[in-house]
Protein backbone atom coordinates (compact mmCIF):
# COMPACT_ATOMS: atom_id res chain seq x y z
CA MET A 1 0.00 0.00 0.00
CA ALA A 2 2.78 2.44 0.86
CA LYS A 3 4.41 1.86 -2.51
CA THR A 4 1.21 2.72 -4.32
CA LEU A 5 0.79 5.90 -2.28
CA GLU A 6 4.40 6.84 -2.96
CA GLN A 7 3.91 6.25 -6.67
CA GLU A 8 0.78 8.38 -6.62
CA ARG A 9 2.64 11.15 -4.78
CA LEU A 10 5.46 11.03 -7.34
CA ALA A 11 2.98 11.12 -10.22
CA PHE A 12 1.26 14.11 -8.63
CA GLU A 13 4.58 15.93 -8.23
CA GLU A 14 5.46 15.19 -11.85
CA ASP A 15 2.09 16.56 -12.99
CA ALA A 16 2.67 19.69 -10.91
CA ARG A 17 6.13 20.13 -12.46
CA ARG A 18 4.72 19.79 -15.98
CA LEU A 19 1.94 22.24 -15.20
CA GLU A 20 4.48 24.75 -13.90
CA GLU A 21 6.52 24.37 -17.11
CA ARG A 22 3.39 24.98 -19.21
CA ARG A 23 2.57 28.06 -17.13
CA LYS A 24 6.08 29.43 -17.68
CA ARG A 25 5.88 28.80 -21.44
CA LEU A 26 2.53 30.58 -21.56
CA GLU A 27 3.93 33.56 -19.65
CA GLU A 28 6.84 33.74 -22.09
CA LYS A 29 4.46 33.67 -25.08
CA GLU A 30 2.36 36.42 -23.51
CA ARG A 31 5.50 38.50 -22.92
CA GLU A 32 6.65 38.00 -26.51
CA GLN A 33 3.20 39.01 -27.76
CA ALA A 34 3.22 42.15 -25.61
CA ILE A 35 6.66 43.12 -26.90
CA ALA A 36 5.53 42.55 -30.49
CA THR A 37 2.50 44.77 -29.88
CA ILE A 38 4.67 47.55 -28.48
CA GLU A 39 7.06 47.15 -31.38
CA LYS A 40 4.20 47.45 -33.91
CA SER A 41 3.00 50.62 -32.20
CA GLY A 42 6.29 52.33 -33.01
CA LEU A 43 7.26 52.96 -29.38
CA PHE A 44 10.56 51.13 -29.83
CA LYS A 45 11.51 53.79 -32.36
CA LEU A 46 11.61 56.41 -29.60
CA GLU A 47 14.97 57.21 -28.13
CA THR A 48 15.54 55.46 -24.84
CA ARG A 49 15.21 58.61 -22.75
CA ARG A 50 11.81 59.48 -24.22
CA LEU A 51 10.53 55.93 -23.89
CA ALA A 52 11.66 55.79 -20.25
CA ALA A 53 9.94 59.12 -19.51
CA LEU A 54 6.75 57.90 -21.16
CA THR A 55 6.68 54.62 -19.26
CA ASP A 56 7.47 56.43 -16.00
CA ARG A 57 4.52 58.74 -16.59
CA ILE A 58 2.24 55.79 -17.35
CA LYS A 59 3.37 54.12 -14.12
CA ALA A 60 2.73 57.31 -12.16
CA LEU A 61 -0.76 57.85 -13.57
CA GLY A 62 -1.78 54.20 -13.68
CA ILE A 63 -2.99 52.25 -16.69
CA GLU A 64 -6.69 53.02 -16.09
CA ALA A 65 -6.07 56.78 -15.92
CA VAL A 66 -3.99 56.71 -19.11
CA GLU A 67 -6.65 54.71 -20.94
CA LYS A 68 -9.33 57.11 -19.73
CA ARG A 69 -7.34 60.16 -20.90
CA LEU A 70 -6.64 58.60 -24.28
CA ALA A 71 -10.29 57.68 -24.79
CA ALA A 72 -11.46 61.24 -24.05
C-alpha cells in the first residue's frame, strides 16, 4: 500500500512540475506578444530617454487613468 501511495505522490509531483513548465511557457508567449505589440506601435523607435519618460509617466498615472485620458 505504501508503494502505491508513494507512486501516486510522485505522479502528482510530476504533474505539478509539468503544469508549472506549461505556465512558464505561456507567460513567455504572452510576454513576446506584448513586446511585439509595443514594437508594432512604433514605441521602440523612440529614443531610450523618451521611452523611459513615457513609461514612468504611465506608471505614475496608472494604466486606467492613461486609458481614460486617451479615450477622451
